[in-house]
Amino acid sequence: MRAGLDAIAVALAAALAPVAAGAQDSPGRNLAASCAICHGTEGRQASGALAPLAGAPKEFIVQQLKDFRDGRRPATVMHQISKGYTEPQMEALAAFFAAQKR
């Protein structure tokens, strides 16, 4: 019975390894989940009320986040949200959205 449980554990670990590796490859993906409520899944918004993030240049997205954070760009909520991100998190978010297709 122990051998059967060990085989199941090995099979489960092998099956989940690509999922874990994929999550590590895109740290911005997890951060971007909180953006979906306003900006749409993967930055492709259905309503068109906000500019899409998908496919926007990484440098542009980072600069916009910094401008919101520093009060250089007016916002309703983004000035507060952007203050919660570190510079590496901003870079990861921007890289994720820039890699998405429009």
C-alpha atoms as a PDB file:
ATOM      1  CA  MET A   1       0.000   0.000   0.000  1.00  0.00           C
ATOM      2  CA  ARG A   2       2.847   2.390   0.818  1.00  0.00           C
ATOM      3  CA  ALA A   3       4.350   1.862  -2.641  1.00  0.00           C
ATOM      4  CA  GLY A   4       1.012   2.783  -4.212  1.00  0.00           C
ATOM      5  CA  LEU A   5       0.813   6.003  -2.209  1.00  0.00           C
ATOM      6  CA  ASP A   6       4.398   6.857  -3.135  1.00  0.00           C
ATOM      7  CA  ALA A   7       3.601   6.324  -6.821  1.00  0.00           C
ATOM      8  CA  ILE A   8       0.552   8.585  -6.541  1.00  0.00           C
ATOM      9  CA  ALA A   9       2.609  11.278  -4.821  1.00  0.00           C
ATOM     10  CA  VAL A  10       5.303  11.108  -7.507  1.00  0.00           C
ATOM     11  CA  ALA A  11       2.706  11.262 -10.295  1.00  0.00           C
ATOM     12  CA  LEU A  12       0.958  14.224  -8.662  1.00  0.00           C
ATOM     13  CA  ALA A  13       4.237  16.099  -8.203  1.00  0.00           C
ATOM     14  CA  ALA A  14       5.162  15.478 -11.841  1.00  0.00           C
ATOM     15  CA  ALA A  15       1.759  16.688 -13.015  1.00  0.00           C
ATOM     16  CA  LEU A  16       1.917  19.883 -10.956  1.00  0.00           C
ATOM     17  CA  ALA A  17       5.539  20.771 -11.754  1.00  0.00           C
ATOM     18  CA  PRO A  18       4.714  22.563 -15.033  1.00  0.00           C
ATOM     19  CA  VAL A  19       1.993  24.576 -13.291  1.00  0.00           C
ATOM     20  CA  ALA A  20       4.386  25.678 -10.567  1.00  0.00           C
ATOM     21  CA  ALA A  21       7.098  26.446 -13.123  1.00  0.00           C
ATOM     22  CA  GLY A  22       4.679  28.526 -15.189  1.00  0.00           C
ATOM     23  CA  ALA A  23       3.658  30.541 -12.144  1.00  0.00           C
ATOM     24  CA  GLN A  24       7.307  31.303 -11.423  1.00  0.00           C
ATOM     25  CA  ASP A  25       7.941  32.306 -15.037  1.00  0.00           C
ATOM     26  CA  SER A  26       5.359  35.103 -14.813  1.00  0.00           C
ATOM     27  CA  PRO A  27       5.306  36.761 -11.395  1.00  0.00           C
ATOM     28  CA  GLY A  28       3.214  39.561 -12.883  1.00  0.00           C
ATOM     29  CA  ARG A  29       0.363  37.184 -13.694  1.00  0.00           C
ATOM     30  CA  ASN A  30      -0.620  36.778 -10.045  1.00  0.00           C
ATOM     31  CA  LEU A  31      -0.349  40.516  -9.430  1.00  0.00           C
ATOM     32  CA  ALA A  32      -2.428  41.227 -12.544  1.00  0.00           C
ATOM     33  CA  ALA A  33      -5.390  39.249 -11.214  1.00  0.00           C
ATOM     34  CA  SER A  34      -6.403  42.243  -9.098  1.00  0.00           C
ATOM     35  CA  CYS A  35      -6.358  44.485 -12.206  1.00  0.00           C
ATOM     36  CA  ALA A  36      -8.978  42.394 -14.030  1.00  0.00           C
ATOM     37  CA  ILE A  37     -11.960  43.970 -12.285  1.00  0.00           C
ATOM     38  CA  CYS A  38     -11.340  47.292 -14.090  1.00  0.00           C
ATOM     39  CA  HIS A  39      -8.935  46.473 -16.914  1.00  0.00           C
ATOM     40  CA  GLY A  40     -10.321  43.099 -17.939  1.00  0.00           C
ATOM     41  CA  THR A  41      -8.783  39.665 -18.022  1.00  0.00           C
ATOM     42  CA  GLU A  42      -5.177  39.875 -19.207  1.00  0.00           C
ATOM     43  CA  GLY A  43      -5.640  43.608 -19.787  1.00  0.00           C
ATOM     44  CA  ARG A  44      -8.238  43.245 -22.537  1.00  0.00           C
ATOM     45  CA  GLN A  45     -11.207  45.192 -21.353  1.00  0.00           C
ATOM     46  CA  ALA A  46     -14.629  44.441 -22.791  1.00  0.00           C
ATOM     47  CA  SER A  47     -16.291  47.813 -22.168  1.00  0.00           C
ATOM     48  CA  GLY A  48     -13.621  50.115 -23.583  1.00  0.00           C
ATOM     49  CA  ALA A  49     -14.053  52.679 -20.786  1.00  0.00           C
ATOM     50  CA  LEU A  50     -10.356  52.410 -19.857  1.00  0.00           C
ATOM     51  CA  ALA A  51      -7.320  52.102 -22.082  1.00  0.00           C
ATOM     52  CA  PRO A  52      -6.367  48.446 -22.602  1.00  0.00           C
ATOM     53  CA  LEU A  53      -3.181  47.289 -20.929  1.00  0.00           C
ATOM     54  CA  ALA A  54      -2.652  44.233 -23.140  1.00  0.00           C
ATOM     55  CA  GLY A  55       0.168  44.827 -25.590  1.00  0.00           C
ATOM     56  CA  ALA A  56       1.059  48.274 -24.262  1.00  0.00           C
ATOM     57  CA  PRO A  57       4.814  48.909 -24.043  1.00  0.00           C
ATOM     58  CA  LYS A  58       6.315  47.832 -20.734  1.00  0.00           C
ATOM     59  CA  GLU A  59       8.051  51.173 -20.177  1.00  0.00           C
ATOM     60  CA  PHE A  60       4.778  53.027 -20.732  1.00  0.00           C
ATOM     61  CA  ILE A  61       2.925  50.932 -18.148  1.00  0.00           C
ATOM     62  CA  VAL A  62       5.683  51.344 -15.560  1.00  0.00           C
ATOM     63  CA  GLN A  63       5.726  55.105 -16.102  1.00  0.00           C
ATOM     64  CA  GLN A  64       1.941  55.338 -15.746  1.00  0.00           C
ATOM     65  CA  LEU A  65       2.059  53.399 -12.461  1.00  0.00           C
ATOM     66  CA  LYS A  66       4.792  55.696 -11.144  1.00  0.00           C
ATOM     67  CA  ASP A  67       2.875  58.779 -12.277  1.00  0.00           C
ATOM     68  CA  PHE A  68      -0.246  57.569 -10.458  1.00  0.00           C
ATOM     69  CA  ARG A  69       1.794  56.736  -7.350  1.00  0.00           C
ATOM     70  CA  ASP A  70       3.571  60.088  -7.305  1.00  0.00           C
ATOM     71  CA  GLY A  71       0.437  62.154  -7.992  1.00  0.00           C
ATOM     72  CA  ARG A  72       1.541  63.311 -11.451  1.00  0.00           C
ATOM     73  CA  ARG A  73      -1.450  61.663 -13.090  1.00  0.00           C
ATOM     74  CA  PRO A  74      -4.970  62.171 -11.734  1.00  0.00           C
ATOM     75  CA  ALA A  75      -6.969  59.093 -10.867  1.00  0.00           C
ATOM     76  CA  THR A  76      -9.963  57.860  -8.962  1.00  0.00           C
ATOM     77  CA  VAL A  77      -8.359  54.790  -7.368  1.00  0.00           C
ATOM     78  CA  MET A  78      -5.105  54.100  -9.213  1.00  0.00           C
ATOM     79  CA  HIS A  79      -3.154  56.570  -7.091  1.00  0.00           C
ATOM     80  CA  GLN A  80      -3.925  54.414  -4.046  1.00  0.00           C
ATOM     81  CA  ILE A  81      -3.464  51.060  -5.781  1.00  0.00           C
ATOM     82  CA  SER A  82      -0.105  52.019  -7.297  1.00  0.00           C
ATOM     83  CA  LYS A  83       1.265  52.975  -3.880  1.00  0.00           C
ATOM     84  CA  GLY A  84       0.927  49.324  -2.861  1.00  0.00           C
ATOM     85  CA  TYR A  85       3.386  48.065  -5.495  1.00  0.00           C
ATOM     86  CA  THR A  86       7.143  47.908  -5.198  1.00  0.00           C
ATOM     87  CA  GLU A  87       9.258  48.866  -8.220  1.00  0.00           C
ATOM     88  CA  PRO A  88       9.963  45.178  -9.035  1.00  0.00           C
ATOM     89  CA  GLN A  89       6.225  44.451  -8.831  1.00  0.00           C
ATOM     90  CA  MET A  90       5.498  47.326 -11.212  1.00  0.00           C
ATOM     91  CA  GLU A  91       8.086  45.911 -13.611  1.00  0.00           C
ATOM     92  CA  ALA A  92       6.537  42.426 -13.340  1.00  0.00           C
ATOM     93  CA  LEU A  93       3.016  43.751 -13.945  1.00  0.00           C
ATOM     94  CA  ALA A  94       4.165  45.782 -16.924  1.00  0.00           C
ATOM     95  CA  ALA A  95       6.044  42.827 -18.407  1.00  0.00           C
ATOM     96  CA  PHE A  96       2.965  40.621 -18.049  1.00  0.00           C
ATOM     97  CA  PHE A  97       0.610  43.080 -19.713  1.00  0.00           C
ATOM     98  CA  ALA A  98       3.090  43.989 -22.450  1.00  0.00           C
ATOM     99  CA  ALA A  99       3.389  40.295 -23.371  1.00  0.00           C
ATOM    100  CA  GLN A 100      -0.389  39.917 -23.872  1.00  0.00           C
ATOM    101  CA  LYS A 101      -1.979  40.201 -27.295  1.00  0.00           C
ATOM    102  CA  ARG A 102      -4.283  43.174 -27.780  1.00  0.00           C
END
